Amino acid sequence: MEDKTIICKDCGQEFLFTIGEQEFFKEKGFENDPVRCPACRKARKAERMNDRR
């Protein structure tokens, strides 16, 4: 396994998907690599939390 460089589907920026993150995703049972950078994932999560209120 090695670090992967991925392009965020929302902002278009490259981000690093580290070996540690890959292992965490695998432990959680996630089969796909992330498609959003950490900042966009955080923003999307905040949006979803606001929509629930």
C-alpha atoms as a PDB file:
ATOM      1  CA  MET A   1       0.000   0.000   0.000  1.00  0.00           C
ATOM      2  CA  GLU A   2       1.189   3.564  -0.641  1.00  0.00           C
ATOM      3  CA  ASP A   3      -0.141   7.122  -0.359  1.00  0.00           C
ATOM      4  CA  LYS A   4      -2.500   8.091  -3.196  1.00  0.00           C
ATOM      5  CA  THR A   5      -3.038  11.501  -4.756  1.00  0.00           C
ATOM      6  CA  ILE A   6      -6.736  12.097  -5.524  1.00  0.00           C
ATOM      7  CA  ILE A   7      -8.507  15.052  -7.172  1.00  0.00           C
ATOM      8  CA  CYS A   8     -11.485  16.383  -5.181  1.00  0.00           C
ATOM      9  CA  LYS A   9     -14.708  16.200  -7.183  1.00  0.00           C
ATOM     10  CA  ASP A  10     -16.036  19.399  -5.574  1.00  0.00           C
ATOM     11  CA  CYS A  11     -13.113  21.854  -5.566  1.00  0.00           C
ATOM     12  CA  GLY A  12     -10.724  20.171  -8.030  1.00  0.00           C
ATOM     13  CA  GLN A  13      -7.747  20.336  -5.643  1.00  0.00           C
ATOM     14  CA  GLU A  14      -5.378  17.414  -5.239  1.00  0.00           C
ATOM     15  CA  PHE A  15      -5.232  15.792  -1.816  1.00  0.00           C
ATOM     16  CA  LEU A  16      -3.260  12.956  -0.324  1.00  0.00           C
ATOM     17  CA  PHE A  17      -5.028   9.780   0.804  1.00  0.00           C
ATOM     18  CA  THR A  18      -2.407   8.431   3.199  1.00  0.00           C
ATOM     19  CA  ILE A  19      -1.695   4.825   4.082  1.00  0.00           C
ATOM     20  CA  GLY A  20      -3.084   5.469   7.571  1.00  0.00           C
ATOM     21  CA  GLU A  21      -6.325   6.869   6.142  1.00  0.00           C
ATOM     22  CA  GLN A  22      -6.580   3.915   3.757  1.00  0.00           C
ATOM     23  CA  GLU A  23      -6.200   1.496   6.671  1.00  0.00           C
ATOM     24  CA  PHE A  24      -8.865   3.404   8.640  1.00  0.00           C
ATOM     25  CA  PHE A  25     -11.281   3.271   5.684  1.00  0.00           C
ATOM     26  CA  LYS A  26     -10.622  -0.472   5.303  1.00  0.00           C
ATOM     27  CA  GLU A  27     -11.264  -1.052   9.046  1.00  0.00           C
ATOM     28  CA  LYS A  28     -14.590   0.776   8.755  1.00  0.00           C
ATOM     29  CA  GLY A  29     -15.580  -1.406   5.798  1.00  0.00           C
ATOM     30  CA  PHE A  30     -15.457   1.387   3.213  1.00  0.00           C
ATOM     31  CA  GLU A  31     -14.624  -0.119  -0.183  1.00  0.00           C
ATOM     32  CA  ASN A  32     -14.225   3.098  -2.197  1.00  0.00           C
ATOM     33  CA  ASP A  33     -11.589   5.803  -1.936  1.00  0.00           C
ATOM     34  CA  PRO A  34     -12.843   9.252  -0.905  1.00  0.00           C
ATOM     35  CA  VAL A  35     -13.884  11.579  -3.745  1.00  0.00           C
ATOM     36  CA  ARG A  36     -13.727  14.825  -1.726  1.00  0.00           C
ATOM     37  CA  CYS A  37     -10.786  16.455   0.045  1.00  0.00           C
ATOM     38  CA  PRO A  38     -10.930  16.740   3.850  1.00  0.00           C
ATOM     39  CA  ALA A  39     -12.060  20.396   3.684  1.00  0.00           C
ATOM     40  CA  CYS A  40     -14.943  19.610   1.299  1.00  0.00           C
ATOM     41  CA  ARG A  41     -15.925  16.538   3.345  1.00  0.00           C
ATOM     42  CA  LYS A  42     -16.052  18.728   6.458  1.00  0.00           C
ATOM     43  CA  ALA A  43     -18.111  21.407   4.671  1.00  0.00           C
ATOM     44  CA  ARG A  44     -20.513  18.798   3.293  1.00  0.00           C
ATOM     45  CA  LYS A  45     -20.946  17.240   6.741  1.00  0.00           C
ATOM     46  CA  ALA A  46     -21.668  20.685   8.240  1.00  0.00           C
ATOM     47  CA  GLU A  47     -24.283  21.306   5.513  1.00  0.00           C
ATOM     48  CA  ARG A  48     -26.008  18.015   6.296  1.00  0.00           C
ATOM     49  CA  MET A  49     -26.023  18.825  10.015  1.00  0.00           C
ATOM     50  CA  ASN A  50     -27.612  22.236   9.313  1.00  0.00           C
ATOM     51  CA  ASP A  51     -30.264  20.646   7.069  1.00  0.00           C
ATOM     52  CA  ARG A  52     -31.405  18.416   9.942  1.00  0.00           C
ATOM     53  CA  ARG A  53     -32.307  21.403  12.114  1.00  0.00           C
END
